[in-house]
PDB file of all heavy atoms in Angstrom:
ATOM      1  N   SER A   1    -105.474-125.935  12.978  1.00  0.00           N
ATOM      2  CA  SER A   1    -105.444-126.571  14.145  1.00  0.00           C
ATOM      3  C   SER A   1    -106.628-127.595  14.349  1.00  0.00           C
ATOM      4  O   SER A   1    -106.457-128.524  15.167  1.00  0.00           O
ATOM      5  CB  SER A   1    -105.584-125.577  15.292  1.00  0.00           C
ATOM      6  OG  SER A   1    -106.920-124.954  15.405  1.00  0.00           O
ATOM      7  N   ARG A   2    -107.755-127.581  13.557  1.00  0.00           N
ATOM      8  CA  ARG A   2    -108.822-128.538  13.603  1.00  0.00           C
ATOM      9  C   ARG A   2    -108.678-129.519  12.511  1.00  0.00           C
ATOM     10  O   ARG A   2    -109.452-130.455  12.363  1.00  0.00           O
ATOM     11  CB  ARG A   2    -110.085-127.767  13.529  1.00  0.00           C
ATOM     12  CG  ARG A   2    -110.359-126.652  14.479  1.00  0.00           C
ATOM     13  CD  ARG A   2    -111.829-126.170  14.539  1.00  0.00           C
ATOM     14  NE  ARG A   2    -112.261-125.723  13.233  1.00  0.00           N
ATOM     15  CZ  ARG A   2    -112.162-124.471  12.833  1.00  0.00           C
ATOM     16  NH1 ARG A   2    -111.562-123.541  13.608  1.00  0.00           N
ATOM     17  NH2 ARG A   2    -112.427-124.046  11.589  1.00  0.00           N
ATOM     18  N   SER A   3    -107.605-129.437  11.586  1.00  0.00           N
ATOM     19  CA  SER A   3    -107.562-130.284  10.488  1.00  0.00           C
ATOM     20  C   SER A   3    -106.684-131.562  10.925  1.00  0.00           C
ATOM     21  O   SER A   3    -105.708-131.508  11.593  1.00  0.00           O
ATOM     22  CB  SER A   3    -106.813-129.516   9.359  1.00  0.00           C
ATOM     23  OG  SER A   3    -106.571-130.429   8.178  1.00  0.00           O
ATOM     24  N   PRO A   4    -107.241-132.697  10.401  1.00  0.00           N
ATOM     25  CA  PRO A   4    -106.310-133.941  10.638  1.00  0.00           C
ATOM     26  C   PRO A   4    -104.970-133.916   9.756  1.00  0.00           C
ATOM     27  O   PRO A   4    -104.101-134.517  10.245  1.00  0.00           O
ATOM     28  CB  PRO A   4    -107.291-135.086  10.069  1.00  0.00           C
ATOM     29  CG  PRO A   4    -108.132-134.385   9.084  1.00  0.00           C
ATOM     30  CD  PRO A   4    -108.339-133.031   9.636  1.00  0.00           C
ATOM     31  N   LEU A   5    -104.895-132.992   8.899  1.00  0.00           N
ATOM     32  CA  LEU A   5    -103.649-132.929   8.160  1.00  0.00           C
ATOM     33  C   LEU A   5    -102.940-131.628   8.694  1.00  0.00           C
ATOM     34  O   LEU A   5    -103.431-130.690   8.673  1.00  0.00           O
ATOM     35  CB  LEU A   5    -103.807-132.758   6.508  1.00  0.00           C
ATOM     36  CG  LEU A   5    -102.706-132.516   5.769  1.00  0.00           C
ATOM     37  CD1 LEU A   5    -101.844-133.772   5.683  1.00  0.00           C
ATOM     38  CD2 LEU A   5    -103.090-132.131   4.261  1.00  0.00           C
ATOM     39  N   THR A   6    -101.756-131.872   9.144  1.00  0.00           N
ATOM     40  CA  THR A   6    -100.996-130.661   9.755  1.00  0.00           C
ATOM     41  C   THR A   6    -100.485-129.855   8.647  1.00  0.00           C
ATOM     42  O   THR A   6    -100.263-130.220   7.475  1.00  0.00           O
ATOM     43  CB  THR A   6     -99.815-131.217  10.632  1.00  0.00           C
ATOM     44  OG1 THR A   6     -98.808-131.861   9.683  1.00  0.00           O
ATOM     45  CG2 THR A   6    -100.217-132.191  11.686  1.00  0.00           C
ATOM     46  N   VAL A   7    -100.268-128.550   9.041  1.00  0.00           N
ATOM     47  CA  VAL A   7     -99.867-127.645   8.021  1.00  0.00           C
ATOM     48  C   VAL A   7     -98.469-127.901   7.562  1.00  0.00           C
ATOM     49  O   VAL A   7     -98.123-127.629   6.313  1.00  0.00           O
ATOM     50  CB  VAL A   7     -99.979-126.137   8.696  1.00  0.00           C
ATOM     51  CG1 VAL A   7     -99.009-125.991   9.939  1.00  0.00           C
ATOM     52  CG2 VAL A   7     -99.598-125.062   7.638  1.00  0.00           C
ATOM     53  N   ASP A   8     -97.664-128.419   8.342  1.00  0.00           N
ATOM     54  CA  ASP A   8     -96.293-128.778   7.921  1.00  0.00           C
ATOM     55  C   ASP A   8     -96.312-129.856   6.869  1.00  0.00           C
ATOM     56  O   ASP A   8     -95.586-129.749   5.773  1.00  0.00           O
ATOM     57  CB  ASP A   8     -95.466-129.300   9.131  1.00  0.00           C
ATOM     58  CG  ASP A   8     -95.155-128.143  10.131  1.00  0.00           C
ATOM     59  OD1 ASP A   8     -95.276-126.938   9.705  1.00  0.00           O
ATOM     60  OD2 ASP A   8     -95.007-128.431  11.296  1.00  0.00           O
ATOM     61  N   ASN A   9     -97.215-130.853   7.125  1.00  0.00           N
ATOM     62  CA  ASN A   9     -97.343-131.917   6.210  1.00  0.00           C
ATOM     63  C   ASN A   9     -97.885-131.381   4.859  1.00  0.00           C
ATOM     64  O   ASN A   9     -97.470-131.907   3.718  1.00  0.00           O
ATOM     65  CB  ASN A   9     -98.199-133.094   6.697  1.00  0.00           C
ATOM     66  CG  ASN A   9     -98.066-134.423   5.912  1.00  0.00           C
ATOM     67  OD1 ASN A   9     -97.357-134.426   4.927  1.00  0.00           O
ATOM     68  ND2 ASN A   9     -98.797-135.427   6.407  1.00  0.00           N
ATOM     69  N   ALA A  10     -98.873-130.640   4.914  1.00  0.00           N
ATOM     70  CA  ALA A  10     -99.477-130.042   3.737  1.00  0.00           C
ATOM     71  C   ALA A  10     -98.495-129.176   2.959  1.00  0.00           C
ATOM     72  O   ALA A  10     -98.466-129.169   1.685  1.00  0.00           O
ATOM     73  CB  ALA A  10    -100.702-129.149   4.064  1.00  0.00           C
ATOM     74  N   LEU A  11     -97.651-128.408   3.535  1.00  0.00           N
ATOM     75  CA  LEU A  11     -96.737-127.637   2.964  1.00  0.00           C
ATOM     76  C   LEU A  11     -95.661-128.392   2.242  1.00  0.00           C
ATOM     77  O   LEU A  11     -95.198-128.101   1.205  1.00  0.00           O
ATOM     78  CB  LEU A  11     -95.967-126.709   3.861  1.00  0.00           C
ATOM     79  CG  LEU A  11     -96.728-125.393   4.277  1.00  0.00           C
ATOM     80  CD1 LEU A  11     -95.964-124.546   5.362  1.00  0.00           C
ATOM     81  CD2 LEU A  11     -97.038-124.507   3.131  1.00  0.00           C
ATOM     82  N   GLN A  12     -95.180-129.551   2.876  1.00  0.00           N
ATOM     83  CA  GLN A  12     -94.262-130.335   2.185  1.00  0.00           C
ATOM     84  C   GLN A  12     -94.835-131.025   0.957  1.00  0.00           C
ATOM     85  O   GLN A  12     -94.177-131.081  -0.083  1.00  0.00           O
ATOM     86  CB  GLN A  12     -93.771-131.513   3.190  1.00  0.00           C
ATOM     87  CG  GLN A  12     -93.032-131.063   4.374  1.00  0.00           C
ATOM     88  CD  GLN A  12     -92.728-132.081   5.414  1.00  0.00           C
ATOM     89  OE1 GLN A  12     -93.096-133.182   5.151  1.00  0.00           O
ATOM     90  NE2 GLN A  12     -92.191-131.746   6.471  1.00  0.00           N
ATOM     91  N   GLN A  13     -96.053-131.369   0.909  1.00  0.00           N
ATOM     92  CA  GLN A  13     -96.695-131.955  -0.208  1.00  0.00           C
ATOM     93  C   GLN A  13     -96.786-130.939  -1.295  1.00  0.00           C
ATOM     94  O   GLN A  13     -96.632-131.223  -2.577  1.00  0.00           O
ATOM     95  CB  GLN A  13     -98.068-132.659   0.040  1.00  0.00           C
ATOM     96  CG  GLN A  13     -97.881-133.746   1.066  1.00  0.00           C
ATOM     97  CD  GLN A  13     -99.227-134.459   1.406  1.00  0.00           C
ATOM     98  OE1 GLN A  13    -100.049-134.644   0.500  1.00  0.00           O
ATOM     99  NE2 GLN A  13     -99.546-134.590   2.638  1.00  0.00           N
ATOM    100  N   MET A  14     -97.179-129.724  -0.867  1.00  0.00           N
ATOM    101  CA  MET A  14     -97.343-128.573  -1.804  1.00  0.00           C
ATOM    102  C   MET A  14     -96.114-128.198  -2.466  1.00  0.00           C
ATOM    103  O   MET A  14     -96.094-127.904  -3.733  1.00  0.00           O
ATOM    104  CB  MET A  14     -97.911-127.390  -1.137  1.00  0.00           C
ATOM    105  CG  MET A  14     -98.282-126.145  -2.102  1.00  0.00           C
ATOM    106  SD  MET A  14     -99.246-126.580  -3.489  1.00  0.00           S
ATOM    107  CE  MET A  14    -100.820-126.738  -2.671  1.00  0.00           C
ATOM    108  N   ILE A  15     -94.965-128.227  -1.711  1.00  0.00           N
ATOM    109  CA  ILE A  15     -93.693-127.944  -2.292  1.00  0.00           C
ATOM    110  C   ILE A  15     -93.154-128.930  -3.333  1.00  0.00           C
ATOM    111  O   ILE A  15     -92.670-128.640  -4.381  1.00  0.00           O
ATOM    112  CB  ILE A  15     -92.696-127.698  -1.257  1.00  0.00           C
ATOM    113  CG1 ILE A  15     -92.906-126.488  -0.433  1.00  0.00           C
ATOM    114  CG2 ILE A  15     -91.294-127.707  -1.769  1.00  0.00           C
ATOM    115  CD1 ILE A  15     -91.959-126.200   0.657  1.00  0.00           C
ATOM    116  N   ILE A  16     -93.567-130.216  -2.983  1.00  0.00           N
ATOM    117  CA  ILE A  16     -93.215-131.262  -4.055  1.00  0.00           C
ATOM    118  C   ILE A  16     -94.017-131.032  -5.315  1.00  0.00           C
ATOM    119  O   ILE A  16     -93.509-131.083  -6.512  1.00  0.00           O
ATOM    120  CB  ILE A  16     -93.504-132.548  -3.429  1.00  0.00           C
ATOM    121  CG1 ILE A  16     -92.621-132.950  -2.301  1.00  0.00           C
ATOM    122  CG2 ILE A  16     -93.389-133.744  -4.485  1.00  0.00           C
ATOM    123  CD1 ILE A  16     -93.033-134.324  -1.511  1.00  0.00           C
ATOM    124  N   PHE A  17     -95.285-130.642  -5.266  1.00  0.00           N
ATOM    125  CA  PHE A  17     -96.099-130.289  -6.369  1.00  0.00           C
ATOM    126  C   PHE A  17     -95.556-129.107  -7.115  1.00  0.00           C
ATOM    127  O   PHE A  17     -95.485-129.193  -8.458  1.00  0.00           O
ATOM    128  CB  PHE A  17     -97.446-130.096  -5.977  1.00  0.00           C
ATOM    129  CG  PHE A  17     -98.483-129.493  -7.120  1.00  0.00           C
ATOM    130  CD1 PHE A  17     -98.863-130.319  -8.061  1.00  0.00           C
ATOM    131  CD2 PHE A  17     -98.606-128.063  -7.105  1.00  0.00           C
ATOM    132  CE1 PHE A  17     -99.746-129.780  -8.995  1.00  0.00           C
ATOM    133  CE2 PHE A  17     -99.379-127.646  -8.126  1.00  0.00           C
ATOM    134  CZ  PHE A  17     -99.968-128.447  -9.066  1.00  0.00           C
ATOM    135  N   ILE A  18     -95.105-128.081  -6.452  1.00  0.00           N
ATOM    136  CA  ILE A  18     -94.483-126.911  -7.103  1.00  0.00           C
ATOM    137  C   ILE A  18     -93.213-127.350  -7.861  1.00  0.00           C
ATOM    138  O   ILE A  18     -92.884-126.887  -8.973  1.00  0.00           O
ATOM    139  CB  ILE A  18     -94.272-125.755  -6.132  1.00  0.00           C
ATOM    140  CG1 ILE A  18     -95.599-125.299  -5.618  1.00  0.00           C
ATOM    141  CG2 ILE A  18     -93.335-124.755  -6.541  1.00  0.00           C
ATOM    142  CD1 ILE A  18     -95.445-124.285  -4.411  1.00  0.00           C
ATOM    143  N   ASN A  19     -92.361-127.977  -7.245  1.00  0.00           N
ATOM    144  CA  ASN A  19     -91.120-128.515  -7.871  1.00  0.00           C
ATOM    145  C   ASN A  19     -91.478-129.422  -9.183  1.00  0.00           C
ATOM    146  O   ASN A  19     -90.858-129.237 -10.274  1.00  0.00           O
ATOM    147  CB  ASN A  19     -90.337-129.395  -6.967  1.00  0.00           C
ATOM    148  CG  ASN A  19     -89.701-128.470  -5.802  1.00  0.00           C
ATOM    149  OD1 ASN A  19     -89.624-127.283  -5.834  1.00  0.00           O
ATOM    150  ND2 ASN A  19     -89.432-129.118  -4.730  1.00  0.00           N
ATOM    151  N   ALA A  20     -92.471-130.228  -9.089  1.00  0.00           N
ATOM    152  CA  ALA A  20     -92.933-130.967 -10.312  1.00  0.00           C
ATOM    153  C   ALA A  20     -93.425-130.089 -11.379  1.00  0.00           C
ATOM    154  O   ALA A  20     -93.147-130.162 -12.491  1.00  0.00           O
ATOM    155  CB  ALA A  20     -93.958-131.918  -9.889  1.00  0.00           C
ATOM    156  N   TYR A  21     -94.013-128.985 -11.027  1.00  0.00           N
ATOM    157  CA  TYR A  21     -94.555-128.043 -12.074  1.00  0.00           C
ATOM    158  C   TYR A  21     -93.369-127.261 -12.657  1.00  0.00           C
ATOM    159  O   TYR A  21     -93.446-127.060 -13.937  1.00  0.00           O
ATOM    160  CB  TYR A  21     -95.456-127.072 -11.445  1.00  0.00           C
ATOM    161  CG  TYR A  21     -95.724-125.704 -12.157  1.00  0.00           C
ATOM    162  CD1 TYR A  21     -96.661-125.640 -13.206  1.00  0.00           C
ATOM    163  CD2 TYR A  21     -95.113-124.639 -11.690  1.00  0.00           C
ATOM    164  CE1 TYR A  21     -96.810-124.438 -13.912  1.00  0.00           C
ATOM    165  CE2 TYR A  21     -95.276-123.446 -12.345  1.00  0.00           C
ATOM    166  CZ  TYR A  21     -96.069-123.406 -13.609  1.00  0.00           C
ATOM    167  OH  TYR A  21     -96.183-122.219 -14.186  1.00  0.00           O
ATOM    168  N   LEU A  22     -92.471-126.851 -11.854  1.00  0.00           N
ATOM    169  CA  LEU A  22     -91.313-126.225 -12.419  1.00  0.00           C
ATOM    170  C   LEU A  22     -90.443-127.011 -13.376  1.00  0.00           C
ATOM    171  O   LEU A  22     -89.820-126.671 -14.307  1.00  0.00           O
ATOM    172  CB  LEU A  22     -90.442-125.484 -11.324  1.00  0.00           C
ATOM    173  CG  LEU A  22     -91.071-124.541 -10.518  1.00  0.00           C
ATOM    174  CD1 LEU A  22     -90.158-124.071  -9.298  1.00  0.00           C
ATOM    175  CD2 LEU A  22     -91.389-123.179 -11.339  1.00  0.00           C
ATOM    176  N   ALA A  23     -90.405-128.400 -13.064  1.00  0.00           N
ATOM    177  CA  ALA A  23     -89.663-129.329 -13.843  1.00  0.00           C
ATOM    178  C   ALA A  23     -90.248-129.606 -15.144  1.00  0.00           C
ATOM    179  O   ALA A  23     -89.608-130.153 -16.097  1.00  0.00           O
ATOM    180  CB  ALA A  23     -89.376-130.592 -12.964  1.00  0.00           C
ATOM    181  N   LEU A  24     -91.659-129.373 -15.369  1.00  0.00           N
ATOM    182  CA  LEU A  24     -92.126-129.644 -16.626  1.00  0.00           C
ATOM    183  C   LEU A  24     -91.673-128.823 -17.727  1.00  0.00           C
ATOM    184  O   LEU A  24     -91.239-129.470 -18.909  1.00  0.00           O
ATOM    185  CB  LEU A  24     -93.666-129.358 -16.548  1.00  0.00           C
ATOM    186  CG  LEU A  24     -94.497-130.278 -15.640  1.00  0.00           C
ATOM    187  CD1 LEU A  24     -96.073-129.854 -15.613  1.00  0.00           C
ATOM    188  CD2 LEU A  24     -94.529-131.761 -16.149  1.00  0.00           C
ATOM    189  N   LYS A  25     -91.476-127.476 -17.559  1.00  0.00           N
ATOM    190  CA  LYS A  25     -90.891-126.641 -18.546  1.00  0.00           C
ATOM    191  C   LYS A  25     -90.022-125.739 -17.934  1.00  0.00           C
ATOM    192  O   LYS A  25     -90.318-125.105 -16.881  1.00  0.00           O
ATOM    193  CB  LYS A  25     -92.050-125.915 -19.391  1.00  0.00           C
ATOM    194  CG  LYS A  25     -92.822-126.803 -20.407  1.00  0.00           C
ATOM    195  CD  LYS A  25     -93.742-125.831 -21.196  1.00  0.00           C
ATOM    196  CE  LYS A  25     -94.509-126.773 -22.128  1.00  0.00           C
ATOM    197  NZ  LYS A  25     -95.496-127.442 -21.497  1.00  0.00           N
ATOM    198  N   PRO A  26     -88.817-125.357 -18.535  1.00  0.00           N
ATOM    199  CA  PRO A  26     -88.038-124.274 -17.915  1.00  0.00           C
ATOM    200  C   PRO A  26     -88.631-122.975 -18.101  1.00  0.00           C
ATOM    201  O   PRO A  26     -88.195-122.043 -17.290  1.00  0.00           O
ATOM    202  CB  PRO A  26     -86.703-124.514 -18.687  1.00  0.00           C
ATOM    203  CG  PRO A  26     -87.102-125.203 -19.946  1.00  0.00           C
ATOM    204  CD  PRO A  26     -88.360-126.054 -19.626  1.00  0.00           C
ATOM    205  N   GLU A  27     -89.482-122.772 -19.013  1.00  0.00           N
ATOM    206  CA  GLU A  27     -90.152-121.413 -19.175  1.00  0.00           C
ATOM    207  C   GLU A  27     -91.259-121.211 -18.143  1.00  0.00           C
ATOM    208  O   GLU A  27     -91.900-120.001 -18.186  1.00  0.00           O
ATOM    209  CB  GLU A  27     -90.607-121.235 -20.688  1.00  0.00           C
ATOM    210  CG  GLU A  27     -89.561-121.440 -21.667  1.00  0.00           C
ATOM    211  CD  GLU A  27     -89.258-122.821 -22.087  1.00  0.00           C
ATOM    212  OE1 GLU A  27     -89.990-123.661 -21.538  1.00  0.00           O
ATOM    213  OE2 GLU A  27     -88.350-122.978 -22.873  1.00  0.00           O
ATOM    214  N   ASN A  28     -91.658-122.125 -17.488  1.00  0.00           N
ATOM    215  CA  ASN A  28     -92.836-121.969 -16.546  1.00  0.00           C
ATOM    216  C   ASN A  28     -92.494-121.005 -15.465  1.00  0.00           C
ATOM    217  O   ASN A  28     -91.433-120.914 -14.877  1.00  0.00           O
ATOM    218  CB  ASN A  28     -93.149-123.268 -15.930  1.00  0.00           C
ATOM    219  CG  ASN A  28     -93.975-124.285 -16.759  1.00  0.00           C
ATOM    220  OD1 ASN A  28     -94.361-123.686 -18.013  1.00  0.00           O
ATOM    221  ND2 ASN A  28     -94.167-125.498 -16.394  1.00  0.00           N
ATOM    222  N   LYS A  29     -93.498-120.177 -15.097  1.00  0.00           N
ATOM    223  CA  LYS A  29     -93.348-119.118 -14.053  1.00  0.00           C
ATOM    224  C   LYS A  29     -94.304-119.569 -12.879  1.00  0.00           C
ATOM    225  O   LYS A  29     -95.222-120.168 -12.995  1.00  0.00           O
ATOM    226  CB  LYS A  29     -93.625-117.710 -14.610  1.00  0.00           C
ATOM    227  CG  LYS A  29     -92.712-117.373 -15.699  1.00  0.00           C
ATOM    228  CD  LYS A  29     -93.079-115.956 -16.272  1.00  0.00           C
ATOM    229  CE  LYS A  29     -92.151-115.560 -17.491  1.00  0.00           C
ATOM    230  NZ  LYS A  29     -90.810-115.613 -17.001  1.00  0.00           N
ATOM    231  N   LEU A  30     -93.787-118.905 -11.652  1.00  0.00           N
ATOM    232  CA  LEU A  30     -94.400-119.344 -10.380  1.00  0.00           C
ATOM    233  C   LEU A  30     -94.538-118.029  -9.499  1.00  0.00           C
ATOM    234  O   LEU A  30     -93.559-117.235  -9.527  1.00  0.00           O
ATOM    235  CB  LEU A  30     -93.715-120.406  -9.737  1.00  0.00           C
ATOM    236  CG  LEU A  30     -94.142-120.829  -8.244  1.00  0.00           C
ATOM    237  CD1 LEU A  30     -95.422-121.463  -8.283  1.00  0.00           C
ATOM    238  CD2 LEU A  30     -93.108-121.587  -7.576  1.00  0.00           C
ATOM    239  N   VAL A  31     -95.616-117.950  -8.834  1.00  0.00           N
ATOM    240  CA  VAL A  31     -95.991-116.902  -7.842  1.00  0.00           C
ATOM    241  C   VAL A  31     -96.663-117.700  -6.703  1.00  0.00           C
ATOM    242  O   VAL A  31     -97.600-118.364  -6.922  1.00  0.00           O
ATOM    243  CB  VAL A  31     -96.829-115.773  -8.394  1.00  0.00           C
ATOM    244  CG1 VAL A  31     -97.091-114.790  -7.214  1.00  0.00           C
ATOM    245  CG2 VAL A  31     -96.117-115.096  -9.414  1.00  0.00           C
ATOM    246  N   VAL A  32     -96.121-117.400  -5.458  1.00  0.00           N
ATOM    247  CA  VAL A  32     -96.719-118.090  -4.269  1.00  0.00           C
ATOM    248  C   VAL A  32     -97.169-116.971  -3.250  1.00  0.00           C
ATOM    249  O   VAL A  32     -96.389-116.124  -3.008  1.00  0.00           O
ATOM    250  CB  VAL A  32     -95.671-119.000  -3.503  1.00  0.00           C
ATOM    251  CG1 VAL A  32     -96.352-119.591  -2.338  1.00  0.00           C
ATOM    252  CG2 VAL A  32     -95.172-120.065  -4.439  1.00  0.00           C
ATOM    253  N   LEU A  33     -98.434-117.062  -2.958  1.00  0.00           N
ATOM    254  CA  LEU A  33     -99.005-116.055  -1.922  1.00  0.00           C
ATOM    255  C   LEU A  33     -99.576-116.925  -0.832  1.00  0.00           C
ATOM    256  O   LEU A  33     -99.904-117.968  -0.896  1.00  0.00           O
ATOM    257  CB  LEU A  33    -100.174-115.217  -2.645  1.00  0.00           C
ATOM    258  CG  LEU A  33     -99.993-114.649  -3.891  1.00  0.00           C
ATOM    259  CD1 LEU A  33    -101.259-113.926  -4.481  1.00  0.00           C
ATOM    260  CD2 LEU A  33     -98.960-113.391  -3.644  1.00  0.00           C
ATOM    261  N   ALA A  34     -99.525-116.215   0.321  1.00  0.00           N
ATOM    262  CA  ALA A  34    -100.005-116.707   1.559  1.00  0.00           C
ATOM    263  C   ALA A  34    -101.016-115.706   2.234  1.00  0.00           C
ATOM    264  O   ALA A  34    -100.719-114.568   2.256  1.00  0.00           O
ATOM    265  CB  ALA A  34     -98.775-117.142   2.464  1.00  0.00           C
ATOM    266  N   THR A  35    -102.113-116.240   2.660  1.00  0.00           N
ATOM    267  CA  THR A  35    -103.131-115.402   3.289  1.00  0.00           C
ATOM    268  C   THR A  35    -103.674-116.027   4.575  1.00  0.00           C
ATOM    269  O   THR A  35    -103.773-117.273   4.778  1.00  0.00           O
ATOM    270  CB  THR A  35    -104.231-114.982   2.274  1.00  0.00           C
ATOM    271  OG1 THR A  35    -105.284-114.261   2.805  1.00  0.00           O
ATOM    272  CG2 THR A  35    -104.920-116.367   1.915  1.00  0.00           C
ATOM    273  N   ASN A  36    -104.185-115.134   5.350  1.00  0.00           N
ATOM    274  CA  ASN A  36    -104.821-115.660   6.686  1.00  0.00           C
ATOM    275  C   ASN A  36    -105.938-114.622   6.984  1.00  0.00           C
ATOM    276  O   ASN A  36    -106.420-113.849   6.044  1.00  0.00           O
ATOM    277  CB  ASN A  36    -104.020-115.801   7.780  1.00  0.00           C
ATOM    278  CG  ASN A  36    -103.062-114.616   8.141  1.00  0.00           C
ATOM    279  OD1 ASN A  36    -103.412-113.492   7.763  1.00  0.00           O
ATOM    280  ND2 ASN A  36    -101.984-114.736   8.778  1.00  0.00           N
ATOM    281  N   LYS A  37    -106.397-114.550   8.205  1.00  0.00           N
ATOM    282  CA  LYS A  37    -107.502-113.583   8.483  1.00  0.00           C
ATOM    283  C   LYS A  37    -106.977-112.088   8.466  1.00  0.00           C
ATOM    284  O   LYS A  37    -107.813-111.257   8.244  1.00  0.00           O
ATOM    285  CB  LYS A  37    -108.019-113.891  10.073  1.00  0.00           C
ATOM    286  CG  LYS A  37    -109.017-113.012  10.451  1.00  0.00           C
ATOM    287  CD  LYS A  37    -109.343-113.141  12.019  1.00  0.00           C
ATOM    288  CE  LYS A  37    -110.324-112.162  12.436  1.00  0.00           C
ATOM    289  NZ  LYS A  37    -110.597-112.285  13.904  1.00  0.00           N
ATOM    290  N   ARG A  38    -105.723-112.009   8.720  1.00  0.00           N
ATOM    291  CA  ARG A  38    -105.243-110.601   8.863  1.00  0.00           C
ATOM    292  C   ARG A  38    -104.454-109.968   7.766  1.00  0.00           C
ATOM    293  O   ARG A  38    -104.458-108.782   7.539  1.00  0.00           O
ATOM    294  CB  ARG A  38    -104.528-110.372  10.094  1.00  0.00           C
ATOM    295  CG  ARG A  38    -105.118-110.785  11.430  1.00  0.00           C
ATOM    296  CD  ARG A  38    -104.299-110.686  12.600  1.00  0.00           C
ATOM    297  NE  ARG A  38    -105.032-110.933  13.847  1.00  0.00           N
ATOM    298  CZ  ARG A  38    -105.383-112.088  14.300  1.00  0.00           C
ATOM    299  NH1 ARG A  38    -105.155-113.184  13.742  1.00  0.00           N
ATOM    300  NH2 ARG A  38    -106.200-112.320  15.433  1.00  0.00           N
ATOM    301  N   GLU A  39    -103.895-110.751   7.003  1.00  0.00           N
ATOM    302  CA  GLU A  39    -102.902-110.244   5.761  1.00  0.00           C
ATOM    303  C   GLU A  39    -102.761-111.218   4.743  1.00  0.00           C
ATOM    304  O   GLU A  39    -103.150-112.423   4.864  1.00  0.00           O
ATOM    305  CB  GLU A  39    -101.566-109.847   6.526  1.00  0.00           C
ATOM    306  CG  GLU A  39    -100.897-111.118   7.202  1.00  0.00           C
ATOM    307  CD  GLU A  39     -99.490-110.808   7.712  1.00  0.00           C
ATOM    308  OE1 GLU A  39     -99.077-109.605   7.470  1.00  0.00           O
ATOM    309  OE2 GLU A  39     -99.032-111.619   8.509  1.00  0.00           O
ATOM    310  N   CYS A  40    -102.249-110.532   3.792  1.00  0.00           N
ATOM    311  CA  CYS A  40    -101.778-111.388   2.527  1.00  0.00           C
ATOM    312  C   CYS A  40    -100.398-111.073   2.073  1.00  0.00           C
ATOM    313  O   CYS A  40    -100.252-109.899   1.886  1.00  0.00           O
ATOM    314  CB  CYS A  40    -103.009-111.240   1.351  1.00  0.00           C
ATOM    315  SG  CYS A  40    -102.661-112.091  -0.135  1.00  0.00           S
ATOM    316  N   LYS A  41     -99.564-111.921   1.850  1.00  0.00           N
ATOM    317  CA  LYS A  41     -98.220-111.651   1.444  1.00  0.00           C
ATOM    318  C   LYS A  41     -97.816-112.486   0.274  1.00  0.00           C
ATOM    319  O   LYS A  41     -98.274-113.603   0.051  1.00  0.00           O
ATOM    320  CB  LYS A  41     -97.228-112.097   2.678  1.00  0.00           C
ATOM    321  CG  LYS A  41     -97.354-111.080   3.870  1.00  0.00           C
ATOM    322  CD  LYS A  41     -96.256-111.388   4.878  1.00  0.00           C
ATOM    323  CE  LYS A  41     -96.395-110.418   5.943  1.00  0.00           C
ATOM    324  NZ  LYS A  41     -95.253-110.751   7.111  1.00  0.00           N
ATOM    325  N   CYS A  42     -96.891-111.907  -0.389  1.00  0.00           N
ATOM    326  CA  CYS A  42     -96.249-112.598  -1.566  1.00  0.00           C
ATOM    327  C   CYS A  42     -94.922-113.261  -1.148  1.00  0.00           C
ATOM    328  O   CYS A  42     -93.961-112.618  -0.741  1.00  0.00           O
ATOM    329  CB  CYS A  42     -95.898-111.670  -2.726  1.00  0.00           C
ATOM    330  SG  CYS A  42     -95.137-112.430  -4.189  1.00  0.00           S
ATOM    331  N   LEU A  43     -94.923-114.556  -1.071  1.00  0.00           N
ATOM    332  CA  LEU A  43     -93.799-115.295  -0.584  1.00  0.00           C
ATOM    333  C   LEU A  43     -92.772-115.586  -1.695  1.00  0.00           C
ATOM    334  O   LEU A  43     -91.492-115.755  -1.379  1.00  0.00           O
ATOM    335  CB  LEU A  43     -94.127-116.722   0.073  1.00  0.00           C
ATOM    336  CG  LEU A  43     -95.260-116.714   1.033  1.00  0.00           C
ATOM    337  CD1 LEU A  43     -95.528-118.037   1.577  1.00  0.00           C
ATOM    338  CD2 LEU A  43     -94.783-115.667   2.193  1.00  0.00           C
ATOM    339  N   TYR A  44     -93.123-115.767  -2.876  1.00  0.00           N
ATOM    340  CA  TYR A  44     -92.229-115.985  -4.058  1.00  0.00           C
ATOM    341  C   TYR A  44     -92.898-115.400  -5.254  1.00  0.00           C
ATOM    342  O   TYR A  44     -94.043-115.540  -5.445  1.00  0.00           O
ATOM    343  CB  TYR A  44     -91.992-117.457  -4.212  1.00  0.00           C
ATOM    344  CG  TYR A  44     -90.968-117.734  -5.296  1.00  0.00           C
ATOM    345  CD1 TYR A  44     -89.677-117.899  -5.064  1.00  0.00           C
ATOM    346  CD2 TYR A  44     -91.384-118.147  -6.654  1.00  0.00           C
ATOM    347  CE1 TYR A  44     -88.712-118.168  -6.169  1.00  0.00           C
ATOM    348  CE2 TYR A  44     -90.568-118.410  -7.666  1.00  0.00           C
ATOM    349  CZ  TYR A  44     -89.292-118.504  -7.354  1.00  0.00           C
ATOM    350  OH  TYR A  44     -88.372-118.667  -8.379  1.00  0.00           O
ATOM    351  N   PRO A  45     -92.089-114.751  -6.172  1.00  0.00           N
ATOM    352  CA  PRO A  45     -90.591-114.408  -5.991  1.00  0.00           C
ATOM    353  C   PRO A  45     -90.349-113.279  -5.039  1.00  0.00           C
ATOM    354  O   PRO A  45     -91.079-112.563  -4.711  1.00  0.00           O
ATOM    355  CB  PRO A  45     -90.218-113.966  -7.400  1.00  0.00           C
ATOM    356  CG  PRO A  45     -91.450-113.406  -8.169  1.00  0.00           C
ATOM    357  CD  PRO A  45     -92.653-114.137  -7.479  1.00  0.00           C
TER     358      PRO A  45
END
């Protein structure tokens, strides 16, 4: 909430980066985690 970059804009840019990483090699693997003050979750896979 204090950042000049909104979380939605940051997520869109991060997803583009993730797609570029997956496009480099079909054998590349990916894990996405999200964390805040209260919890930590695995979003993908």
